[in-house]
Each structure stands twice: as C-alpha cells, then as structure tokens.
C-alpha cells in the first residue's frame, strides 16, 4: 500500500470516528486502552497454553470451556462505555 493510500485510509478512519462522536483528542485514551487489552490477552493466552498442556487439551477447548469469546466482547464493550463516559 502506498503512503497516499495509507493516508486516505487513516483520513477515512478519522472521519468514521468523528461520525461516531469520538474526537481525535480522545484517541490517546483509546490507544492506551487497546494496548492494555492486548497485553492482557497475550498474558491470558500464555497461561491458557500452559493449562492446555497440563490438561492435554487444546487452547480452543479452554476458550470454549471458559466462554472467553463472549467475555472478551463484554469486557471490550464495558471498557468502551467507560471511555465514552469519562470524556
């Protein structure tokens, strides 16, 4: 992707954020929250990998057992709501 294409993509993303009521001034908060979320997800996957190894199951089995997909969606939604109300 060329620099021009990347710039247009970013401009489009910024316009979309503004349409959803998110100011570009709020972006650092969202970026920080996303970094924290990714760090937690990475740590969780490491722990799940070890647990899966001990139990002789797959990580996917553990995701299903603990309903992690739904819990991740709930946590992401909750964090988004917190950021929106703290502005």
Protein backbone atom coordinates (compact mmCIF):
# COMPACT_ATOMS: atom_id res chain seq x y z
CA UNK A 1 0.00 0.00 0.00
CA UNK A 2 1.39 3.37 -0.96
CA UNK A 3 1.78 6.24 1.50
CA UNK A 4 -1.00 8.09 -0.30
CA UNK A 5 -3.34 5.10 0.09
CA UNK A 6 -2.43 4.77 3.78
CA UNK A 7 -3.08 8.48 4.33
CA UNK A 8 -6.50 8.20 2.67
CA UNK A 9 -7.30 5.14 4.80
CA UNK A 10 -6.38 6.98 8.01
CA UNK A 11 -8.38 10.03 6.96
CA UNK A 12 -11.37 7.77 6.34
CA UNK A 13 -10.94 6.14 9.75
CA UNK A 14 -10.76 9.54 11.44
CA UNK A 15 -13.92 10.66 9.62
CA UNK A 16 -15.67 7.49 10.77
CA UNK A 17 -14.62 8.11 14.37
CA UNK A 18 -15.92 11.67 14.21
CA UNK A 19 -19.24 10.41 12.80
CA UNK A 20 -19.49 8.13 15.84
CA UNK A 21 -18.95 11.06 18.19
CA UNK A 22 -15.32 10.32 19.00
CA UNK A 23 -12.96 13.26 18.96
CA UNK A 24 -9.42 12.77 17.70
CA UNK A 25 -8.42 14.27 21.06
CA UNK A 26 -9.74 11.05 22.63
CA UNK A 27 -7.55 8.78 20.52
CA UNK A 28 -4.66 8.53 23.03
CA UNK A 29 -7.10 7.15 25.64
CA UNK A 30 -8.39 4.54 23.20
CA UNK A 31 -4.90 3.59 22.08
CA UNK A 32 -3.76 3.17 25.69
CA UNK A 33 -6.82 1.05 26.47
CA UNK A 34 -6.19 -1.12 23.41
CA UNK A 35 -2.55 -1.64 24.41
CA UNK A 36 -3.62 -2.74 27.89
CA UNK A 37 -6.26 -5.06 26.45
CA UNK A 38 -3.73 -6.64 24.10
CA UNK A 39 -1.25 -7.16 26.95
CA UNK A 40 -3.96 -8.88 29.00
CA UNK A 41 -4.96 -11.05 26.05
CA UNK A 42 -1.33 -12.04 25.44
CA UNK A 43 -0.85 -12.95 29.11
CA UNK A 44 -4.08 -14.92 29.12
CA UNK A 45 -3.03 -16.89 26.04
CA UNK A 46 0.29 -17.81 27.68
CA UNK A 47 -1.50 -19.07 30.78
CA UNK A 48 -4.10 -20.92 28.70
CA UNK A 49 -1.33 -22.54 26.68
CA UNK A 50 0.29 -23.90 29.84
CA UNK A 51 -3.06 -25.05 31.24
CA UNK A 52 -3.94 -26.74 27.95
CA UNK A 53 -0.59 -28.51 28.02
CA UNK A 54 -1.18 -29.77 31.57
CA UNK A 55 -4.73 -30.91 30.77
CA UNK A 56 -3.77 -32.38 27.38
CA UNK A 57 -6.42 -30.32 25.59
CA UNK A 58 -6.29 -27.54 23.04
CA UNK A 59 -6.37 -23.85 23.84
CA UNK A 60 -9.59 -23.68 21.81
CA UNK A 61 -11.13 -26.23 24.20
CA UNK A 62 -10.29 -23.91 27.08
CA UNK A 63 -11.69 -20.90 25.24
CA UNK A 64 -14.95 -22.81 24.86
CA UNK A 65 -14.92 -24.08 28.46
CA UNK A 66 -14.44 -20.61 29.91
CA UNK A 67 -16.63 -18.87 27.27
CA UNK A 68 -13.77 -16.46 26.60
CA UNK A 69 -15.07 -15.07 23.31
CA UNK A 70 -18.21 -13.70 24.97
CA UNK A 71 -16.28 -12.47 28.00
CA UNK A 72 -13.82 -10.63 25.76
CA UNK A 73 -16.66 -8.96 23.89
CA UNK A 74 -18.30 -7.95 27.17
CA UNK A 75 -15.03 -6.55 28.53
CA UNK A 76 -14.34 -4.63 25.33
CA UNK A 77 -17.84 -3.17 25.34
CA UNK A 78 -17.60 -2.24 29.01
CA UNK A 79 -14.23 -0.53 28.53
CA UNK A 80 -15.59 1.36 25.52
CA UNK A 81 -18.52 2.57 27.62
CA UNK A 82 -16.17 3.69 30.40
CA UNK A 83 -14.04 5.66 27.97
CA UNK A 84 -17.08 7.29 26.40
CA UNK A 85 -18.46 8.44 29.75
CA UNK A 86 -15.11 9.67 31.08
CA UNK A 87 -14.69 12.25 28.31
